[in-house]
């Protein structure tokens, strides 16, 4: 899905929302940032397989979409923290029912495997 779909007023709301969270790491980052601010190094340690380049790119996209706030502290060494904006919290809350559905689906799949 292209990023332009997230801004097209002629697409359905679900398509516009999915365009904002589309990608391997965005929902995981959204979930982690719900617990409070995180520094980039902490996020990298928590998410093995995520490169610094992809983390930076993903957080910038999320910041551009108004989901994430980037706070740079004027200290030496520089300290940067990312946190959810109120708009990002709204999205996280909107995704809670979908997450519940996903967990129920996984339970169903596990039950079906046990029967087979």
C-alpha atoms as a PDB file:
ATOM      1  CA  UNK A   1       0.000   0.000   0.000  1.00  0.00           C
ATOM      2  CA  UNK A   2       1.400   3.387  -0.865  1.00  0.00           C
ATOM      3  CA  UNK A   3       1.752   6.227   1.626  1.00  0.00           C
ATOM      4  CA  UNK A   4      -0.341   8.442  -0.651  1.00  0.00           C
ATOM      5  CA  UNK A   5      -3.362   6.222   0.102  1.00  0.00           C
ATOM      6  CA  UNK A   6      -3.220   7.492   3.692  1.00  0.00           C
ATOM      7  CA  UNK A   7      -3.935  11.007   2.427  1.00  0.00           C
ATOM      8  CA  UNK A   8      -6.430  10.255  -0.346  1.00  0.00           C
ATOM      9  CA  UNK A   9      -9.846  11.573   0.754  1.00  0.00           C
ATOM     10  CA  UNK A  10     -11.570   9.132  -1.628  1.00  0.00           C
ATOM     11  CA  UNK A  11     -10.501   5.917   0.136  1.00  0.00           C
ATOM     12  CA  UNK A  12     -12.377   4.265   2.958  1.00  0.00           C
ATOM     13  CA  UNK A  13     -11.315   5.105   6.499  1.00  0.00           C
ATOM     14  CA  UNK A  14      -9.973   1.626   7.178  1.00  0.00           C
ATOM     15  CA  UNK A  15      -7.664   1.861   4.153  1.00  0.00           C
ATOM     16  CA  UNK A  16      -6.429   5.271   5.310  1.00  0.00           C
ATOM     17  CA  UNK A  17      -5.775   3.921   8.823  1.00  0.00           C
ATOM     18  CA  UNK A  18      -3.992   0.799   7.576  1.00  0.00           C
ATOM     19  CA  UNK A  19      -1.777   2.938   5.344  1.00  0.00           C
ATOM     20  CA  UNK A  20      -0.562   4.742   8.482  1.00  0.00           C
ATOM     21  CA  UNK A  21       0.288   1.530  10.383  1.00  0.00           C
ATOM     22  CA  UNK A  22       1.443  -0.485   7.367  1.00  0.00           C
ATOM     23  CA  UNK A  23       4.925  -1.882   7.772  1.00  0.00           C
ATOM     24  CA  UNK A  24       6.734  -4.500   9.781  1.00  0.00           C
ATOM     25  CA  UNK A  25       7.558  -2.388  12.848  1.00  0.00           C
ATOM     26  CA  UNK A  26       4.914   0.324  13.230  1.00  0.00           C
ATOM     27  CA  UNK A  27       2.377  -1.596  15.281  1.00  0.00           C
ATOM     28  CA  UNK A  28       5.107  -2.959  17.548  1.00  0.00           C
ATOM     29  CA  UNK A  29       6.547   0.523  18.056  1.00  0.00           C
ATOM     30  CA  UNK A  30       3.063   1.879  18.729  1.00  0.00           C
ATOM     31  CA  UNK A  31       2.544  -0.834  21.333  1.00  0.00           C
ATOM     32  CA  UNK A  32       5.903  -0.144  23.042  1.00  0.00           C
ATOM     33  CA  UNK A  33       5.421   3.621  23.035  1.00  0.00           C
ATOM     34  CA  UNK A  34       2.062   3.201  24.793  1.00  0.00           C
ATOM     35  CA  UNK A  35       4.011   2.489  27.982  1.00  0.00           C
ATOM     36  CA  UNK A  36       5.827   5.839  27.882  1.00  0.00           C
ATOM     37  CA  UNK A  37       8.810   7.528  26.234  1.00  0.00           C
ATOM     38  CA  UNK A  38      11.630   5.410  24.822  1.00  0.00           C
ATOM     39  CA  UNK A  39      15.113   6.273  23.634  1.00  0.00           C
ATOM     40  CA  UNK A  40      16.149   4.908  20.214  1.00  0.00           C
ATOM     41  CA  UNK A  41      18.833   2.650  21.695  1.00  0.00           C
ATOM     42  CA  UNK A  42      16.295   1.115  24.065  1.00  0.00           C
ATOM     43  CA  UNK A  43      13.950   0.408  21.157  1.00  0.00           C
ATOM     44  CA  UNK A  44      16.768  -1.221  19.170  1.00  0.00           C
ATOM     45  CA  UNK A  45      17.684  -3.473  22.103  1.00  0.00           C
ATOM     46  CA  UNK A  46      14.047  -4.434  22.610  1.00  0.00           C
ATOM     47  CA  UNK A  47      13.485  -5.265  18.933  1.00  0.00           C
ATOM     48  CA  UNK A  48      16.218  -7.571  17.601  1.00  0.00           C
ATOM     49  CA  UNK A  49      16.259  -7.532  13.828  1.00  0.00           C
ATOM     50  CA  UNK A  50      15.355  -3.846  13.604  1.00  0.00           C
ATOM     51  CA  UNK A  51      18.189  -1.795  12.139  1.00  0.00           C
ATOM     52  CA  UNK A  52      18.972   1.752  13.213  1.00  0.00           C
ATOM     53  CA  UNK A  53      18.222   2.995   9.683  1.00  0.00           C
ATOM     54  CA  UNK A  54      14.782   1.358   9.573  1.00  0.00           C
ATOM     55  CA  UNK A  55      13.992   2.518  13.119  1.00  0.00           C
ATOM     56  CA  UNK A  56      14.837   6.121  12.214  1.00  0.00           C
ATOM     57  CA  UNK A  57      12.833   5.951   8.980  1.00  0.00           C
ATOM     58  CA  UNK A  58       9.831   4.367  10.691  1.00  0.00           C
ATOM     59  CA  UNK A  59       9.812   6.831  13.590  1.00  0.00           C
ATOM     60  CA  UNK A  60      10.079   9.756  11.155  1.00  0.00           C
ATOM     61  CA  UNK A  61       7.105   8.444   9.176  1.00  0.00           C
ATOM     62  CA  UNK A  62       5.133   8.028  12.396  1.00  0.00           C
ATOM     63  CA  UNK A  63       6.145  11.538  13.454  1.00  0.00           C
ATOM     64  CA  UNK A  64       5.045  12.865  10.052  1.00  0.00           C
ATOM     65  CA  UNK A  65       1.681  11.162  10.518  1.00  0.00           C
ATOM     66  CA  UNK A  66       1.282  12.856  13.895  1.00  0.00           C
ATOM     67  CA  UNK A  67       1.513   9.630  15.919  1.00  0.00           C
ATOM     68  CA  UNK A  68       4.881  10.159  17.588  1.00  0.00           C
ATOM     69  CA  UNK A  69       6.579  13.094  19.281  1.00  0.00           C
ATOM     70  CA  UNK A  70      10.364  13.407  19.135  1.00  0.00           C
ATOM     71  CA  UNK A  71      11.941  15.198  22.093  1.00  0.00           C
ATOM     72  CA  UNK A  72      15.608  16.181  21.896  1.00  0.00           C
ATOM     73  CA  UNK A  73      17.175  17.238  25.187  1.00  0.00           C
ATOM     74  CA  UNK A  74      19.955  19.820  25.049  1.00  0.00           C
ATOM     75  CA  UNK A  75      22.494  17.832  27.039  1.00  0.00           C
ATOM     76  CA  UNK A  76      25.828  16.290  26.301  1.00  0.00           C
ATOM     77  CA  UNK A  77      25.629  13.675  24.986  1.00  0.00           C
ATOM     78  CA  UNK A  78      22.383  14.531  23.223  1.00  0.00           C
ATOM     79  CA  UNK A  79      19.415  12.551  24.424  1.00  0.00           C
ATOM     80  CA  UNK A  80      16.401  11.860  22.231  1.00  0.00           C
ATOM     81  CA  UNK A  81      13.127  10.282  23.341  1.00  0.00           C
ATOM     82  CA  UNK A  82      10.071   9.245  21.393  1.00  0.00           C
ATOM     83  CA  UNK A  83       6.572   9.166  22.816  1.00  0.00           C
ATOM     84  CA  UNK A  84       3.035   8.888  21.516  1.00  0.00           C
ATOM     85  CA  UNK A  85       1.089  12.029  20.760  1.00  0.00           C
ATOM     86  CA  UNK A  86      -2.579  12.235  21.792  1.00  0.00           C
ATOM     87  CA  UNK A  87      -3.406  11.342  18.165  1.00  0.00           C
ATOM     88  CA  UNK A  88      -1.123   8.282  18.442  1.00  0.00           C
ATOM     89  CA  UNK A  89      -2.878   7.268  21.674  1.00  0.00           C
ATOM     90  CA  UNK A  90      -6.211   7.562  19.852  1.00  0.00           C
ATOM     91  CA  UNK A  91      -4.920   5.153  17.216  1.00  0.00           C
ATOM     92  CA  UNK A  92      -3.620   2.735  19.860  1.00  0.00           C
ATOM     93  CA  UNK A  93      -7.034   2.740  21.544  1.00  0.00           C
ATOM     94  CA  UNK A  94      -8.766   2.207  18.204  1.00  0.00           C
ATOM     95  CA  UNK A  95      -6.535  -0.812  17.545  1.00  0.00           C
ATOM     96  CA  UNK A  96      -7.333  -2.506  20.881  1.00  0.00           C
ATOM     97  CA  UNK A  97     -10.455  -4.299  19.557  1.00  0.00           C
ATOM     98  CA  UNK A  98      -8.504  -5.427  16.499  1.00  0.00           C
ATOM     99  CA  UNK A  99      -5.744  -6.778  18.749  1.00  0.00           C
ATOM    100  CA  UNK A 100      -8.363  -8.688  20.740  1.00  0.00           C
ATOM    101  CA  UNK A 101      -9.726 -10.171  17.534  1.00  0.00           C
ATOM    102  CA  UNK A 102      -6.195 -11.154  16.502  1.00  0.00           C
ATOM    103  CA  UNK A 103      -5.587 -12.942  19.809  1.00  0.00           C
ATOM    104  CA  UNK A 104      -8.887 -14.828  19.469  1.00  0.00           C
ATOM    105  CA  UNK A 105      -7.878 -15.854  15.945  1.00  0.00           C
ATOM    106  CA  UNK A 106      -4.535 -17.169  17.183  1.00  0.00           C
ATOM    107  CA  UNK A 107      -6.291 -19.155  19.931  1.00  0.00           C
ATOM    108  CA  UNK A 108      -8.639 -20.618  17.330  1.00  0.00           C
ATOM    109  CA  UNK A 109      -5.741 -21.629  15.085  1.00  0.00           C
ATOM    110  CA  UNK A 110      -3.927 -23.239  18.033  1.00  0.00           C
ATOM    111  CA  UNK A 111      -7.079 -25.160  19.006  1.00  0.00           C
ATOM    112  CA  UNK A 112      -7.554 -26.362  15.423  1.00  0.00           C
ATOM    113  CA  UNK A 113      -3.927 -27.615  15.340  1.00  0.00           C
ATOM    114  CA  UNK A 114      -4.470 -29.596  18.533  1.00  0.00           C
ATOM    115  CA  UNK A 115      -7.546 -31.291  17.068  1.00  0.00           C
ATOM    116  CA  UNK A 116      -5.717 -32.267  13.869  1.00  0.00           C
END
